[in-house]
PDB file of all heavy atoms in Angstrom:
ATOM      1  N   PRO A   1       0.827  -1.220   0.000  1.00  0.00           N
ATOM      2  CA  PRO A   1       0.000   0.000   0.000  1.00  0.00           C
ATOM      3  C   PRO A   1       0.861   1.270   0.000  1.00  0.00           C
ATOM      4  O   PRO A   1       1.881   1.342   0.682  1.00  0.00           O
ATOM      5  CB  PRO A   1      -0.816  -0.127   1.285  1.00  0.00           C
ATOM      6  CG  PRO A   1      -0.054  -1.050   2.157  1.00  0.00           C
ATOM      7  CD  PRO A   1       0.677  -1.993   1.246  1.00  0.00           C
ATOM      8  N   PHE A   2       0.422   2.272  -0.804  1.00  0.00           N
ATOM      9  CA  PHE A   2       1.070   3.579  -0.857  1.00  0.00           C
ATOM     10  C   PHE A   2      -0.008   4.666  -0.823  1.00  0.00           C
ATOM     11  O   PHE A   2      -1.073   4.510  -1.448  1.00  0.00           O
ATOM     12  CB  PHE A   2       1.900   3.730  -2.139  1.00  0.00           C
ATOM     13  CG  PHE A   2       3.239   3.069  -2.097  1.00  0.00           C
ATOM     14  CD1 PHE A   2       3.365   1.726  -2.414  1.00  0.00           C
ATOM     15  CD2 PHE A   2       4.371   3.775  -1.731  1.00  0.00           C
ATOM     16  CE1 PHE A   2       4.602   1.098  -2.371  1.00  0.00           C
ATOM     17  CE2 PHE A   2       5.615   3.165  -1.690  1.00  0.00           C
ATOM     18  CZ  PHE A   2       5.732   1.818  -2.006  1.00  0.00           C
ATOM     19  N   PRO A   3       0.274   5.779  -0.126  1.00  0.00           N
ATOM     20  CA  PRO A   3      -0.695   6.894  -0.128  1.00  0.00           C
ATOM     21  C   PRO A   3      -0.748   7.562  -1.502  1.00  0.00           C
ATOM     22  O   PRO A   3       0.290   7.832  -2.106  1.00  0.00           O
ATOM     23  CB  PRO A   3      -0.156   7.864   0.925  1.00  0.00           C
ATOM     24  CG  PRO A   3       0.939   7.128   1.624  1.00  0.00           C
ATOM     25  CD  PRO A   3       1.417   6.062   0.727  1.00  0.00           C
ATOM     26  N   VAL A   4      -1.962   7.828  -1.985  1.00  0.00           N
ATOM     27  CA  VAL A   4      -2.135   8.471  -3.282  1.00  0.00           C
ATOM     28  C   VAL A   4      -3.100   9.637  -3.136  1.00  0.00           C
ATOM     29  O   VAL A   4      -3.784   9.775  -2.125  1.00  0.00           O
ATOM     30  CB  VAL A   4      -2.666   7.470  -4.337  1.00  0.00           C
ATOM     31  CG1 VAL A   4      -1.699   6.327  -4.530  1.00  0.00           C
ATOM     32  CG2 VAL A   4      -4.047   6.962  -3.942  1.00  0.00           C
ATOM     33  N   GLN A   5      -3.122  10.476  -4.177  1.00  0.00           N
ATOM     34  CA  GLN A   5      -4.008  11.643  -4.171  1.00  0.00           C
ATOM     35  C   GLN A   5      -4.507  11.886  -5.598  1.00  0.00           C
ATOM     36  O   GLN A   5      -3.732  11.820  -6.554  1.00  0.00           O
ATOM     37  CB  GLN A   5      -3.252  12.871  -3.659  1.00  0.00           C
ATOM     38  CG  GLN A   5      -4.079  14.129  -3.537  1.00  0.00           C
ATOM     39  CD  GLN A   5      -3.273  15.274  -2.940  1.00  0.00           C
ATOM     40  OE1 GLN A   5      -2.637  15.118  -1.894  1.00  0.00           O
ATOM     41  NE2 GLN A   5      -3.274  16.407  -3.596  1.00  0.00           N
ATOM     42  N   THR A   6      -5.791  12.184  -5.702  1.00  0.00           N
ATOM     43  CA  THR A   6      -6.381  12.478  -7.007  1.00  0.00           C
ATOM     44  C   THR A   6      -6.165  13.953  -7.341  1.00  0.00           C
ATOM     45  O   THR A   6      -6.402  14.827  -6.509  1.00  0.00           O
ATOM     46  CB  THR A   6      -7.877  12.151  -7.005  1.00  0.00           C
ATOM     47  OG1 THR A   6      -8.065  10.774  -6.646  1.00  0.00           O
ATOM     48  CG2 THR A   6      -8.489  12.396  -8.383  1.00  0.00           C
ATOM     49  N   ILE A   7      -5.711  14.209  -8.554  1.00  0.00           N
ATOM     50  CA  ILE A   7      -5.392  15.572  -8.977  1.00  0.00           C
ATOM     51  C   ILE A   7      -6.669  16.366  -9.220  1.00  0.00           C
ATOM     52  O   ILE A   7      -7.568  15.929  -9.944  1.00  0.00           O
ATOM     53  CB  ILE A   7      -4.538  15.561 -10.250  1.00  0.00           C
ATOM     54  CG1 ILE A   7      -3.187  14.875  -9.986  1.00  0.00           C
ATOM     55  CG2 ILE A   7      -4.306  16.981 -10.765  1.00  0.00           C
ATOM     56  CD1 ILE A   7      -2.359  15.539  -8.932  1.00  0.00           C
ATOM     57  N   THR A   8      -6.736  17.538  -8.582  1.00  0.00           N
ATOM     58  CA  THR A   8      -7.834  18.485  -8.802  1.00  0.00           C
ATOM     59  C   THR A   8      -7.237  19.874  -9.041  1.00  0.00           C
ATOM     60  O   THR A   8      -6.049  20.102  -8.803  1.00  0.00           O
ATOM     61  CB  THR A   8      -8.776  18.543  -7.588  1.00  0.00           C
ATOM     62  OG1 THR A   8      -8.015  18.948  -6.430  1.00  0.00           O
ATOM     63  CG2 THR A   8      -9.423  17.193  -7.322  1.00  0.00           C
ATOM     64  N   THR A   9      -8.060  20.770  -9.537  1.00  0.00           N
ATOM     65  CA  THR A   9      -7.608  22.157  -9.712  1.00  0.00           C
ATOM     66  C   THR A   9      -8.100  22.990  -8.543  1.00  0.00           C
ATOM     67  O   THR A   9      -9.222  22.799  -8.051  1.00  0.00           O
ATOM     68  CB  THR A   9      -8.129  22.750 -11.024  1.00  0.00           C
ATOM     69  OG1 THR A   9      -9.554  22.674 -11.050  1.00  0.00           O
ATOM     70  CG2 THR A   9      -7.549  22.011 -12.213  1.00  0.00           C
ATOM     71  N   ASN A  10      -7.260  23.925  -8.091  1.00  0.00           N
ATOM     72  CA  ASN A  10      -7.579  24.761  -6.938  1.00  0.00           C
ATOM     73  C   ASN A  10      -7.020  26.157  -7.150  1.00  0.00           C
ATOM     74  O   ASN A  10      -6.222  26.389  -8.068  1.00  0.00           O
ATOM     75  CB  ASN A  10      -6.981  24.166  -5.655  1.00  0.00           C
ATOM     76  CG  ASN A  10      -7.509  22.794  -5.337  1.00  0.00           C
ATOM     77  OD1 ASN A  10      -8.539  22.647  -4.709  1.00  0.00           O
ATOM     78  ND2 ASN A  10      -6.779  21.761  -5.768  1.00  0.00           N
ATOM     79  N   ASP A  11      -7.425  27.059  -6.278  1.00  0.00           N
ATOM     80  CA  ASP A  11      -6.828  28.397  -6.250  1.00  0.00           C
ATOM     81  C   ASP A  11      -5.634  28.377  -5.303  1.00  0.00           C
ATOM     82  O   ASP A  11      -5.688  27.770  -4.233  1.00  0.00           O
ATOM     83  CB  ASP A  11      -7.842  29.440  -5.775  1.00  0.00           C
ATOM     84  CG  ASP A  11      -8.974  29.615  -6.769  1.00  0.00           C
ATOM     85  OD1 ASP A  11      -8.759  29.328  -7.955  1.00  0.00           O
ATOM     86  OD2 ASP A  11     -10.074  30.031  -6.357  1.00  0.00           O
ATOM     87  N   ALA A  12      -4.558  29.035  -5.682  1.00  0.00           N
ATOM     88  CA  ALA A  12      -3.331  29.028  -4.876  1.00  0.00           C
ATOM     89  C   ALA A  12      -2.788  30.435  -4.722  1.00  0.00           C
ATOM     90  O   ALA A  12      -2.945  31.278  -5.608  1.00  0.00           O
ATOM     91  CB  ALA A  12      -2.273  28.140  -5.524  1.00  0.00           C
ATOM     92  N   THR A  13      -2.156  30.662  -3.580  1.00  0.00           N
ATOM     93  CA  THR A  13      -1.494  31.936  -3.315  1.00  0.00           C
ATOM     94  C   THR A  13       0.014  31.741  -3.377  1.00  0.00           C
ATOM     95  O   THR A  13       0.571  30.948  -2.629  1.00  0.00           O
ATOM     96  CB  THR A  13      -1.888  32.487  -1.938  1.00  0.00           C
ATOM     97  OG1 THR A  13      -3.301  32.623  -1.868  1.00  0.00           O
ATOM     98  CG2 THR A  13      -1.249  33.845  -1.701  1.00  0.00           C
ATOM     99  N   VAL A  14       0.639  32.456  -4.293  1.00  0.00           N
ATOM    100  CA  VAL A  14       2.098  32.404  -4.428  1.00  0.00           C
ATOM    101  C   VAL A  14       2.668  33.711  -3.907  1.00  0.00           C
ATOM    102  O   VAL A  14       2.166  34.790  -4.234  1.00  0.00           O
ATOM    103  CB  VAL A  14       2.506  32.199  -5.900  1.00  0.00           C
ATOM    104  CG1 VAL A  14       4.017  32.157  -6.036  1.00  0.00           C
ATOM    105  CG2 VAL A  14       1.885  30.922  -6.439  1.00  0.00           C
ATOM    106  N   TYR A  15       3.711  33.626  -3.099  1.00  0.00           N
ATOM    107  CA  TYR A  15       4.315  34.820  -2.515  1.00  0.00           C
ATOM    108  C   TYR A  15       5.614  35.153  -3.236  1.00  0.00           C
ATOM    109  O   TYR A  15       6.523  34.332  -3.315  1.00  0.00           O
ATOM    110  CB  TYR A  15       4.586  34.618  -1.022  1.00  0.00           C
ATOM    111  CG  TYR A  15       3.332  34.572  -0.189  1.00  0.00           C
ATOM    112  CD1 TYR A  15       2.746  33.352   0.149  1.00  0.00           C
ATOM    113  CD2 TYR A  15       2.725  35.748   0.257  1.00  0.00           C
ATOM    114  CE1 TYR A  15       1.591  33.308   0.910  1.00  0.00           C
ATOM    115  CE2 TYR A  15       1.568  35.706   1.017  1.00  0.00           C
ATOM    116  CZ  TYR A  15       1.006  34.489   1.345  1.00  0.00           C
ATOM    117  OH  TYR A  15      -0.148  34.441   2.086  1.00  0.00           O
ATOM    118  N   GLN A  16       5.666  36.374  -3.777  1.00  0.00           N
ATOM    119  CA  GLN A  16       6.902  36.893  -4.339  1.00  0.00           C
ATOM    120  C   GLN A  16       7.603  37.721  -3.259  1.00  0.00           C
ATOM    121  O   GLN A  16       6.974  38.570  -2.630  1.00  0.00           O
ATOM    122  CB  GLN A  16       6.617  37.766  -5.565  1.00  0.00           C
ATOM    123  CG  GLN A  16       5.861  37.059  -6.679  1.00  0.00           C
ATOM    124  CD  GLN A  16       6.707  36.025  -7.396  1.00  0.00           C
ATOM    125  OE1 GLN A  16       7.930  36.071  -7.315  1.00  0.00           O
ATOM    126  NE2 GLN A  16       6.058  35.101  -8.085  1.00  0.00           N
ATOM    127  N   GLU A  17       8.891  37.474  -3.041  1.00  0.00           N
ATOM    128  CA  GLU A  17       9.612  38.124  -1.951  1.00  0.00           C
ATOM    129  C   GLU A  17      10.678  39.070  -2.502  1.00  0.00           C
ATOM    130  O   GLU A  17      11.389  38.739  -3.468  1.00  0.00           O
ATOM    131  CB  GLU A  17      10.250  37.075  -1.031  1.00  0.00           C
ATOM    132  CG  GLU A  17       9.217  36.175  -0.349  1.00  0.00           C
ATOM    133  CD  GLU A  17       9.846  35.232   0.654  1.00  0.00           C
ATOM    134  OE1 GLU A  17      11.098  35.095   0.640  1.00  0.00           O
ATOM    135  OE2 GLU A  17       9.108  34.628   1.460  1.00  0.00           O
ATOM    136  N   TYR A  18      10.780  40.236  -1.852  1.00  0.00           N
ATOM    137  CA  TYR A  18      11.720  41.268  -2.293  1.00  0.00           C
ATOM    138  C   TYR A  18      12.415  41.868  -1.068  1.00  0.00           C
ATOM    139  O   TYR A  18      11.750  42.250  -0.093  1.00  0.00           O
ATOM    140  CB  TYR A  18      10.987  42.373  -3.059  1.00  0.00           C
ATOM    141  CG  TYR A  18      10.108  41.864  -4.178  1.00  0.00           C
ATOM    142  CD1 TYR A  18       8.749  41.658  -3.969  1.00  0.00           C
ATOM    143  CD2 TYR A  18      10.641  41.581  -5.431  1.00  0.00           C
ATOM    144  CE1 TYR A  18       7.936  41.175  -4.986  1.00  0.00           C
ATOM    145  CE2 TYR A  18       9.836  41.102  -6.453  1.00  0.00           C
ATOM    146  CZ  TYR A  18       8.486  40.898  -6.221  1.00  0.00           C
ATOM    147  OH  TYR A  18       7.685  40.415  -7.228  1.00  0.00           O
ATOM    148  N   THR A  19      13.731  41.953  -1.134  1.00  0.00           N
ATOM    149  CA  THR A  19      14.495  42.581  -0.061  1.00  0.00           C
ATOM    150  C   THR A  19      14.203  44.078  -0.020  1.00  0.00           C
ATOM    151  O   THR A  19      14.200  44.742  -1.068  1.00  0.00           O
ATOM    152  CB  THR A  19      16.000  42.348  -0.254  1.00  0.00           C
ATOM    153  OG1 THR A  19      16.245  40.939  -0.319  1.00  0.00           O
ATOM    154  CG2 THR A  19      16.796  42.953   0.893  1.00  0.00           C
ATOM    155  N   ALA A  20      13.956  44.604   1.179  1.00  0.00           N
ATOM    156  CA  ALA A  20      13.520  45.999   1.303  1.00  0.00           C
ATOM    157  C   ALA A  20      14.352  46.736   2.341  1.00  0.00           C
ATOM    158  O   ALA A  20      14.821  46.146   3.328  1.00  0.00           O
ATOM    159  CB  ALA A  20      12.042  46.064   1.685  1.00  0.00           C
ATOM    160  N   ASN A  21      14.534  48.037   2.107  1.00  0.00           N
ATOM    161  CA  ASN A  21      15.135  48.941   3.081  1.00  0.00           C
ATOM    162  C   ASN A  21      14.020  49.756   3.733  1.00  0.00           C
ATOM    163  O   ASN A  21      13.154  50.284   3.040  1.00  0.00           O
ATOM    164  CB  ASN A  21      16.138  49.881   2.406  1.00  0.00           C
ATOM    165  CG  ASN A  21      17.311  49.131   1.798  1.00  0.00           C
ATOM    166  OD1 ASN A  21      17.820  48.185   2.388  1.00  0.00           O
ATOM    167  ND2 ASN A  21      17.727  49.540   0.615  1.00  0.00           N
ATOM    168  N   ILE A  22      14.062  49.861   5.048  1.00  0.00           N
ATOM    169  CA  ILE A  22      12.985  50.501   5.796  1.00  0.00           C
ATOM    170  C   ILE A  22      13.424  51.892   6.253  1.00  0.00           C
ATOM    171  O   ILE A  22      14.516  52.055   6.807  1.00  0.00           O
ATOM    172  CB  ILE A  22      12.587  49.639   7.009  1.00  0.00           C
ATOM    173  CG1 ILE A  22      12.067  48.279   6.521  1.00  0.00           C
ATOM    174  CG2 ILE A  22      11.529  50.339   7.863  1.00  0.00           C
ATOM    175  CD1 ILE A  22      11.814  47.296   7.635  1.00  0.00           C
ATOM    176  N   GLU A  23      12.558  52.864   6.008  1.00  0.00           N
ATOM    177  CA  GLU A  23      12.814  54.239   6.430  1.00  0.00           C
ATOM    178  C   GLU A  23      11.546  54.822   7.025  1.00  0.00           C
ATOM    179  O   GLU A  23      10.433  54.391   6.701  1.00  0.00           O
ATOM    180  CB  GLU A  23      13.271  55.106   5.248  1.00  0.00           C
ATOM    181  CG  GLU A  23      14.602  54.708   4.647  1.00  0.00           C
ATOM    182  CD  GLU A  23      15.018  55.624   3.509  1.00  0.00           C
ATOM    183  OE1 GLU A  23      14.325  56.651   3.310  1.00  0.00           O
ATOM    184  OE2 GLU A  23      16.020  55.322   2.839  1.00  0.00           O
ATOM    185  N   GLY A  24      11.727  55.816   7.908  1.00  0.00           N
ATOM    186  CA  GLY A  24      10.577  56.528   8.434  1.00  0.00           C
ATOM    187  C   GLY A  24       9.919  57.349   7.338  1.00  0.00           C
ATOM    188  O   GLY A  24      10.554  57.687   6.332  1.00  0.00           O
ATOM    189  N   GLN A  25       8.648  57.669   7.540  1.00  0.00           N
ATOM    190  CA  GLN A  25       7.954  58.434   6.507  1.00  0.00           C
ATOM    191  C   GLN A  25       8.555  59.831   6.346  1.00  0.00           C
ATOM    192  O   GLN A  25       8.364  60.493   5.321  1.00  0.00           O
ATOM    193  CB  GLN A  25       6.467  58.551   6.843  1.00  0.00           C
ATOM    194  CG  GLN A  25       6.175  59.354   8.097  1.00  0.00           C
ATOM    195  CD  GLN A  25       4.683  59.563   8.320  1.00  0.00           C
ATOM    196  OE1 GLN A  25       3.903  59.402   7.400  1.00  0.00           O
ATOM    197  NE2 GLN A  25       4.300  59.927   9.523  1.00  0.00           N
ATOM    198  N   GLN A  26       9.299  60.283   7.353  1.00  0.00           N
ATOM    199  CA  GLN A  26       9.945  61.589   7.273  1.00  0.00           C
ATOM    200  C   GLN A  26      11.274  61.520   8.006  1.00  0.00           C
ATOM    201  O   GLN A  26      11.316  61.347   9.222  1.00  0.00           O
ATOM    202  CB  GLN A  26       9.040  62.670   7.896  1.00  0.00           C
ATOM    203  CG  GLN A  26       9.489  64.088   7.611  1.00  0.00           C
ATOM    204  CD  GLN A  26       8.494  65.108   8.132  1.00  0.00           C
ATOM    205  OE1 GLN A  26       7.637  64.802   8.949  1.00  0.00           O
ATOM    206  NE2 GLN A  26       8.603  66.331   7.663  1.00  0.00           N
ATOM    207  N   ASN A  27      12.360  61.616   7.274  1.00  0.00           N
ATOM    208  CA  ASN A  27      13.710  61.649   7.848  1.00  0.00           C
ATOM    209  C   ASN A  27      14.302  63.030   7.580  1.00  0.00           C
ATOM    210  O   ASN A  27      14.657  63.345   6.438  1.00  0.00           O
ATOM    211  CB  ASN A  27      14.600  60.566   7.233  1.00  0.00           C
ATOM    212  CG  ASN A  27      14.245  59.181   7.730  1.00  0.00           C
ATOM    213  OD1 ASN A  27      13.644  59.024   8.785  1.00  0.00           O
ATOM    214  ND2 ASN A  27      14.602  58.177   6.972  1.00  0.00           N
ATOM    215  N   VAL A  28      14.382  63.848   8.612  1.00  0.00           N
ATOM    216  CA  VAL A  28      14.818  65.228   8.455  1.00  0.00           C
ATOM    217  C   VAL A  28      16.219  65.386   9.030  1.00  0.00           C
ATOM    218  O   VAL A  28      16.443  65.130  10.223  1.00  0.00           O
ATOM    219  CB  VAL A  28      13.853  66.207   9.155  1.00  0.00           C
ATOM    220  CG1 VAL A  28      14.281  67.645   8.908  1.00  0.00           C
ATOM    221  CG2 VAL A  28      12.419  65.981   8.666  1.00  0.00           C
ATOM    222  N   GLU A  29      17.152  65.811   8.192  1.00  0.00           N
ATOM    223  CA  GLU A  29      18.508  66.100   8.669  1.00  0.00           C
ATOM    224  C   GLU A  29      18.529  67.485   9.302  1.00  0.00           C
ATOM    225  O   GLU A  29      18.076  68.460   8.687  1.00  0.00           O
ATOM    226  CB  GLU A  29      19.507  66.028   7.517  1.00  0.00           C
ATOM    227  CG  GLU A  29      19.702  64.624   6.968  1.00  0.00           C
ATOM    228  CD  GLU A  29      20.776  64.573   5.891  1.00  0.00           C
ATOM    229  OE1 GLU A  29      21.160  65.653   5.395  1.00  0.00           O
ATOM    230  OE2 GLU A  29      21.233  63.468   5.566  1.00  0.00           O
TER     231      GLU A  29
END
C-alpha cells in the first residue's frame, strides 16, 4: 500500500519576496 491523491484544480497563493530597506515616513537632517 502507498498513499495516493487524485489531482484536482484549486486556487493558490504564491508569494513573491523582495528585499527591502525601511525608512521613516519623514527623515529630516
